[in-house]
Amino acid sequence: MQGYQLSLYTLRNRKHDGKPLGQWLLEEAQRLGVRGASLSSASEGYGQHGQVHSARFFELGDQPVEVTMALSAEELARFMARLLEEQIKVAYTKVPVEFGTTGEP
């Protein structure tokens, strides 16, 4: 199947609707019917303002997290519309990909 890989980048301490934003993004993708998504934590990273964010022993809130998913064009449009509706500001990358499942005809 042709579609897009969408990766969204945030920090562990960012919240939306009382939940960590990464968790909210993952749950929203599932609610909208996205077939699969992953939430990954990074040890360190920096964003558009050049500020370094990292997981430290006493402070994990500044830890970078990434939510990645493969979506069809229609799923991507629904997901991005939902982010706009919720007024979520988050950095992302979107790359055209082929995706599917092995072991199936």
N, C-alpha and C. Protein backbone atom coordinates (compact mmCIF):
# COMPACT_ATOMS: atom_id res chain seq x y z
N MET A 1 0.85 -1.17 0.00
CA MET A 1 0.00 0.00 0.00
C MET A 1 0.90 1.24 0.00
N GLN A 2 0.50 2.24 -0.74
CA GLN A 2 1.22 3.50 -0.78
C GLN A 2 0.63 4.46 0.25
N GLY A 3 1.47 5.21 0.90
CA GLY A 3 1.00 6.16 1.91
C GLY A 3 2.14 7.01 2.42
N TYR A 4 2.09 7.29 3.70
CA TYR A 4 3.06 8.18 4.32
C TYR A 4 3.50 7.64 5.66
N GLN A 5 4.77 7.90 5.99
CA GLN A 5 5.24 7.69 7.36
C GLN A 5 5.22 9.06 8.02
N LEU A 6 4.47 9.15 9.08
CA LEU A 6 4.36 10.40 9.84
C LEU A 6 5.06 10.20 11.17
N SER A 7 6.00 11.09 11.47
CA SER A 7 6.69 11.07 12.76
C SER A 7 6.43 12.41 13.43
N LEU A 8 5.98 12.37 14.67
CA LEU A 8 5.69 13.57 15.45
C LEU A 8 6.66 13.61 16.63
N TYR A 9 7.18 14.79 16.92
CA TYR A 9 8.23 14.95 17.93
C TYR A 9 7.75 15.88 19.04
N THR A 10 7.88 15.42 20.27
CA THR A 10 7.46 16.23 21.41
C THR A 10 8.34 15.88 22.61
N LEU A 11 7.94 16.33 23.77
CA LEU A 11 8.66 16.04 25.02
C LEU A 11 7.74 15.29 25.97
N ARG A 12 8.35 14.48 26.81
CA ARG A 12 7.56 13.66 27.75
C ARG A 12 6.66 14.51 28.64
N ASN A 13 7.08 15.73 29.01
CA ASN A 13 6.29 16.53 29.96
C ASN A 13 5.18 17.36 29.30
N ARG A 14 5.07 17.36 27.98
CA ARG A 14 3.97 18.10 27.33
C ARG A 14 2.67 17.32 27.50
N LYS A 15 1.61 18.02 27.79
CA LYS A 15 0.32 17.38 28.05
C LYS A 15 -0.77 17.92 27.14
N HIS A 16 -1.79 17.08 26.93
CA HIS A 16 -3.01 17.49 26.23
C HIS A 16 -4.15 16.69 26.82
N ASP A 17 -5.21 17.36 27.18
CA ASP A 17 -6.36 16.70 27.83
C ASP A 17 -5.95 15.91 29.06
N GLY A 18 -4.96 16.41 29.81
CA GLY A 18 -4.53 15.77 31.04
C GLY A 18 -3.64 14.55 30.85
N LYS A 19 -3.26 14.24 29.60
CA LYS A 19 -2.40 13.09 29.32
C LYS A 19 -1.09 13.59 28.71
N PRO A 20 -0.03 12.79 28.85
CA PRO A 20 1.18 13.14 28.09
C PRO A 20 0.83 13.20 26.60
N LEU A 21 1.34 14.21 25.90
CA LEU A 21 0.99 14.42 24.50
C LEU A 21 1.32 13.21 23.64
N GLY A 22 2.45 12.56 23.87
CA GLY A 22 2.80 11.37 23.10
C GLY A 22 1.74 10.29 23.23
N GLN A 23 1.27 10.06 24.44
CA GLN A 23 0.23 9.06 24.69
C GLN A 23 -1.07 9.48 24.00
N TRP A 24 -1.42 10.77 24.10
CA TRP A 24 -2.64 11.26 23.45
C TRP A 24 -2.58 11.05 21.94
N LEU A 25 -1.42 11.35 21.32
CA LEU A 25 -1.26 11.16 19.87
C LEU A 25 -1.43 9.69 19.50
N LEU A 26 -0.84 8.81 20.27
CA LEU A 26 -0.94 7.37 20.02
C LEU A 26 -2.40 6.91 20.13
N GLU A 27 -3.08 7.32 21.18
CA GLU A 27 -4.48 6.93 21.37
C GLU A 27 -5.39 7.53 20.31
N GLU A 28 -5.11 8.75 19.88
CA GLU A 28 -5.93 9.40 18.86
C GLU A 28 -5.75 8.70 17.52
N ALA A 29 -4.53 8.29 17.21
CA ALA A 29 -4.29 7.54 15.98
C ALA A 29 -5.10 6.24 15.99
N GLN A 30 -5.10 5.56 17.11
CA GLN A 30 -5.87 4.32 17.22
C GLN A 30 -7.37 4.60 17.08
N ARG A 31 -7.85 5.64 17.73
CA ARG A 31 -9.27 6.00 17.66
C ARG A 31 -9.70 6.30 16.22
N LEU A 32 -8.79 6.90 15.44
CA LEU A 32 -9.11 7.26 14.06
C LEU A 32 -8.90 6.11 13.08
N GLY A 33 -8.51 4.95 13.59
CA GLY A 33 -8.39 3.77 12.74
C GLY A 33 -7.04 3.55 12.09
N VAL A 34 -6.01 4.27 12.54
CA VAL A 34 -4.67 4.04 12.02
C VAL A 34 -4.26 2.63 12.44
N ARG A 35 -3.72 1.85 11.51
CA ARG A 35 -3.43 0.42 11.74
C ARG A 35 -2.36 0.16 12.76
N GLY A 36 -1.47 1.10 12.99
CA GLY A 36 -0.41 0.90 13.96
C GLY A 36 0.40 2.16 14.15
N ALA A 37 0.91 2.33 15.35
CA ALA A 37 1.75 3.49 15.67
C ALA A 37 2.66 3.09 16.82
N SER A 38 3.80 3.74 16.90
CA SER A 38 4.77 3.46 17.96
C SER A 38 5.16 4.74 18.67
N LEU A 39 5.36 4.63 19.96
CA LEU A 39 5.85 5.73 20.78
C LEU A 39 7.25 5.34 21.25
N SER A 40 8.24 6.16 20.90
CA SER A 40 9.63 5.88 21.26
C SER A 40 10.20 7.05 22.05
N SER A 41 11.04 6.73 23.00
CA SER A 41 11.74 7.75 23.78
C SER A 41 13.18 7.84 23.32
N ALA A 42 13.69 9.04 23.28
CA ALA A 42 15.09 9.27 22.92
C ALA A 42 15.86 9.69 24.16
N SER A 43 17.15 9.49 24.15
CA SER A 43 17.94 9.92 25.29
C SER A 43 18.27 11.41 25.22
N GLU A 44 18.33 11.94 23.98
CA GLU A 44 18.67 13.35 23.84
C GLU A 44 18.27 13.83 22.45
N GLY A 45 17.99 15.12 22.32
CA GLY A 45 17.68 15.72 21.03
C GLY A 45 17.56 17.23 21.17
N TYR A 46 17.39 17.91 20.04
CA TYR A 46 17.16 19.35 20.10
C TYR A 46 16.16 19.71 19.01
N GLY A 47 15.47 20.84 19.21
CA GLY A 47 14.43 21.27 18.29
C GLY A 47 14.80 22.52 17.53
N GLN A 48 13.78 23.15 16.96
CA GLN A 48 13.99 24.30 16.08
C GLN A 48 14.67 25.48 16.75
N HIS A 49 14.58 25.56 18.07
CA HIS A 49 15.20 26.68 18.77
C HIS A 49 16.62 26.35 19.25
N GLY A 50 17.09 25.14 18.95
CA GLY A 50 18.45 24.75 19.29
C GLY A 50 18.65 24.32 20.73
N GLN A 51 17.61 24.33 21.54
CA GLN A 51 17.74 23.93 22.94
C GLN A 51 17.84 22.41 23.03
N VAL A 52 18.85 21.91 23.73
CA VAL A 52 19.04 20.48 23.90
C VAL A 52 18.08 19.98 24.98
N HIS A 53 17.39 18.88 24.67
CA HIS A 53 16.48 18.23 25.62
C HIS A 53 17.04 16.83 25.86
N SER A 54 17.02 16.40 27.12
CA SER A 54 17.55 15.07 27.41
C SER A 54 16.90 14.48 28.65
N ALA A 55 16.99 13.15 28.73
CA ALA A 55 16.54 12.43 29.91
C ALA A 55 17.68 12.42 30.90
N ARG A 56 17.44 12.97 32.07
CA ARG A 56 18.44 12.96 33.12
C ARG A 56 17.92 12.11 34.27
N PHE A 57 18.81 11.69 35.11
CA PHE A 57 18.44 10.79 36.20
C PHE A 57 17.29 11.33 37.04
N PHE A 58 17.33 12.63 37.40
CA PHE A 58 16.31 13.19 38.27
C PHE A 58 15.18 13.87 37.52
N GLU A 59 15.34 14.11 36.24
CA GLU A 59 14.32 14.85 35.49
C GLU A 59 14.09 14.19 34.13
N LEU A 60 13.02 13.39 34.03
CA LEU A 60 12.70 12.73 32.77
C LEU A 60 11.71 13.54 31.93
N GLY A 61 11.14 14.60 32.49
CA GLY A 61 10.12 15.39 31.79
C GLY A 61 10.63 16.03 30.52
N ASP A 62 11.91 16.31 30.43
CA ASP A 62 12.49 16.97 29.27
C ASP A 62 12.92 15.96 28.20
N GLN A 63 12.59 14.68 28.40
CA GLN A 63 13.00 13.63 27.47
C GLN A 63 12.24 13.73 26.15
N PRO A 64 12.94 13.73 25.02
CA PRO A 64 12.27 13.75 23.72
C PRO A 64 11.53 12.43 23.47
N VAL A 65 10.35 12.53 22.85
CA VAL A 65 9.60 11.34 22.45
C VAL A 65 9.15 11.52 21.00
N GLU A 66 8.98 10.39 20.32
CA GLU A 66 8.57 10.38 18.92
C GLU A 66 7.42 9.40 18.74
N VAL A 67 6.38 9.82 18.06
CA VAL A 67 5.28 8.94 17.68
C VAL A 67 5.38 8.77 16.17
N THR A 68 5.49 7.51 15.71
CA THR A 68 5.64 7.20 14.30
C THR A 68 4.53 6.27 13.85
N MET A 69 4.00 6.53 12.66
CA MET A 69 2.94 5.70 12.11
C MET A 69 3.00 5.71 10.59
N ALA A 70 2.46 4.66 9.98
CA ALA A 70 2.30 4.60 8.52
C ALA A 70 0.81 4.72 8.23
N LEU A 71 0.46 5.66 7.35
CA LEU A 71 -0.95 5.94 7.07
C LEU A 71 -1.22 6.07 5.58
N SER A 72 -2.44 5.81 5.19
CA SER A 72 -2.88 6.12 3.83
C SER A 72 -3.07 7.63 3.73
N ALA A 73 -3.23 8.13 2.54
CA ALA A 73 -3.44 9.57 2.35
C ALA A 73 -4.71 10.03 3.09
N GLU A 74 -5.75 9.21 3.06
CA GLU A 74 -6.99 9.56 3.73
C GLU A 74 -6.83 9.59 5.26
N GLU A 75 -6.12 8.59 5.78
CA GLU A 75 -5.87 8.55 7.23
C GLU A 75 -5.04 9.74 7.66
N LEU A 76 -4.04 10.08 6.85
CA LEU A 76 -3.19 11.23 7.15
C LEU A 76 -4.02 12.51 7.20
N ALA A 77 -4.91 12.69 6.23
CA ALA A 77 -5.75 13.89 6.20
C ALA A 77 -6.63 13.96 7.45
N ARG A 78 -7.23 12.84 7.86
CA ARG A 78 -8.07 12.82 9.07
C ARG A 78 -7.25 13.13 10.32
N PHE A 79 -6.05 12.54 10.41
CA PHE A 79 -5.22 12.75 11.59
C PHE A 79 -4.76 14.20 11.69
N MET A 80 -4.29 14.76 10.58
CA MET A 80 -3.82 16.15 10.60
C MET A 80 -4.98 17.12 10.88
N ALA A 81 -6.17 16.82 10.37
CA ALA A 81 -7.35 17.66 10.66
C ALA A 81 -7.66 17.62 12.15
N ARG A 82 -7.50 16.46 12.75
CA ARG A 82 -7.75 16.32 14.19
C ARG A 82 -6.75 17.14 15.00
N LEU A 83 -5.48 17.14 14.60
CA LEU A 83 -4.49 17.96 15.30
C LEU A 83 -4.84 19.44 15.18
N LEU A 84 -5.27 19.85 14.01
CA LEU A 84 -5.67 21.24 13.80
C LEU A 84 -6.88 21.59 14.67
N GLU A 85 -7.85 20.69 14.71
CA GLU A 85 -9.05 20.89 15.52
C GLU A 85 -8.71 21.04 17.00
N GLU A 86 -7.76 20.26 17.47
CA GLU A 86 -7.35 20.30 18.88
C GLU A 86 -6.31 21.39 19.15
N GLN A 87 -5.89 22.10 18.11
CA GLN A 87 -4.89 23.17 18.20
C GLN A 87 -3.59 22.67 18.81
N ILE A 88 -3.16 21.49 18.35
CA ILE A 88 -1.92 20.91 18.83
C ILE A 88 -0.77 21.39 17.96
N LYS A 89 0.22 21.99 18.59
CA LYS A 89 1.42 22.44 17.90
C LYS A 89 2.51 21.43 18.18
N VAL A 90 2.97 20.75 17.13
CA VAL A 90 3.98 19.71 17.29
C VAL A 90 4.81 19.64 16.01
N ALA A 91 6.10 19.40 16.16
CA ALA A 91 6.97 19.23 15.00
C ALA A 91 6.71 17.86 14.39
N TYR A 92 6.82 17.77 13.05
CA TYR A 92 6.59 16.48 12.39
C TYR A 92 7.41 16.37 11.12
N THR A 93 7.57 15.13 10.67
CA THR A 93 8.09 14.84 9.34
C THR A 93 7.10 13.90 8.67
N LYS A 94 6.96 14.05 7.35
CA LYS A 94 6.04 13.23 6.57
C LYS A 94 6.79 12.78 5.32
N VAL A 95 6.88 11.45 5.14
CA VAL A 95 7.65 10.89 4.04
C VAL A 95 6.79 9.87 3.29
N PRO A 96 6.75 9.95 1.95
CA PRO A 96 6.02 8.92 1.19
C PRO A 96 6.67 7.55 1.40
N VAL A 97 5.85 6.52 1.63
CA VAL A 97 6.36 5.16 1.85
C VAL A 97 5.42 4.13 1.24
N GLU A 98 5.97 2.94 1.07
CA GLU A 98 5.15 1.77 0.79
C GLU A 98 5.10 0.99 2.08
N PHE A 99 3.92 0.53 2.49
CA PHE A 99 3.83 -0.24 3.72
C PHE A 99 2.84 -1.38 3.57
N GLY A 100 2.97 -2.36 4.42
CA GLY A 100 2.11 -3.52 4.41
C GLY A 100 2.52 -4.49 5.48
N THR A 101 2.13 -5.72 5.31
CA THR A 101 2.44 -6.78 6.27
C THR A 101 3.03 -7.96 5.53
N THR A 102 4.09 -8.53 6.03
CA THR A 102 4.67 -9.71 5.40
C THR A 102 3.89 -10.94 5.82
N GLY A 103 4.05 -12.01 5.04
CA GLY A 103 3.43 -13.28 5.40
C GLY A 103 1.97 -13.39 5.00
N GLU A 104 1.45 -12.40 4.29
CA GLU A 104 0.07 -12.46 3.81
C GLU A 104 0.07 -12.43 2.28
N PRO A 105 -0.90 -13.10 1.66
CA PRO A 105 -0.96 -13.06 0.18
C PRO A 105 -1.24 -11.67 -0.35
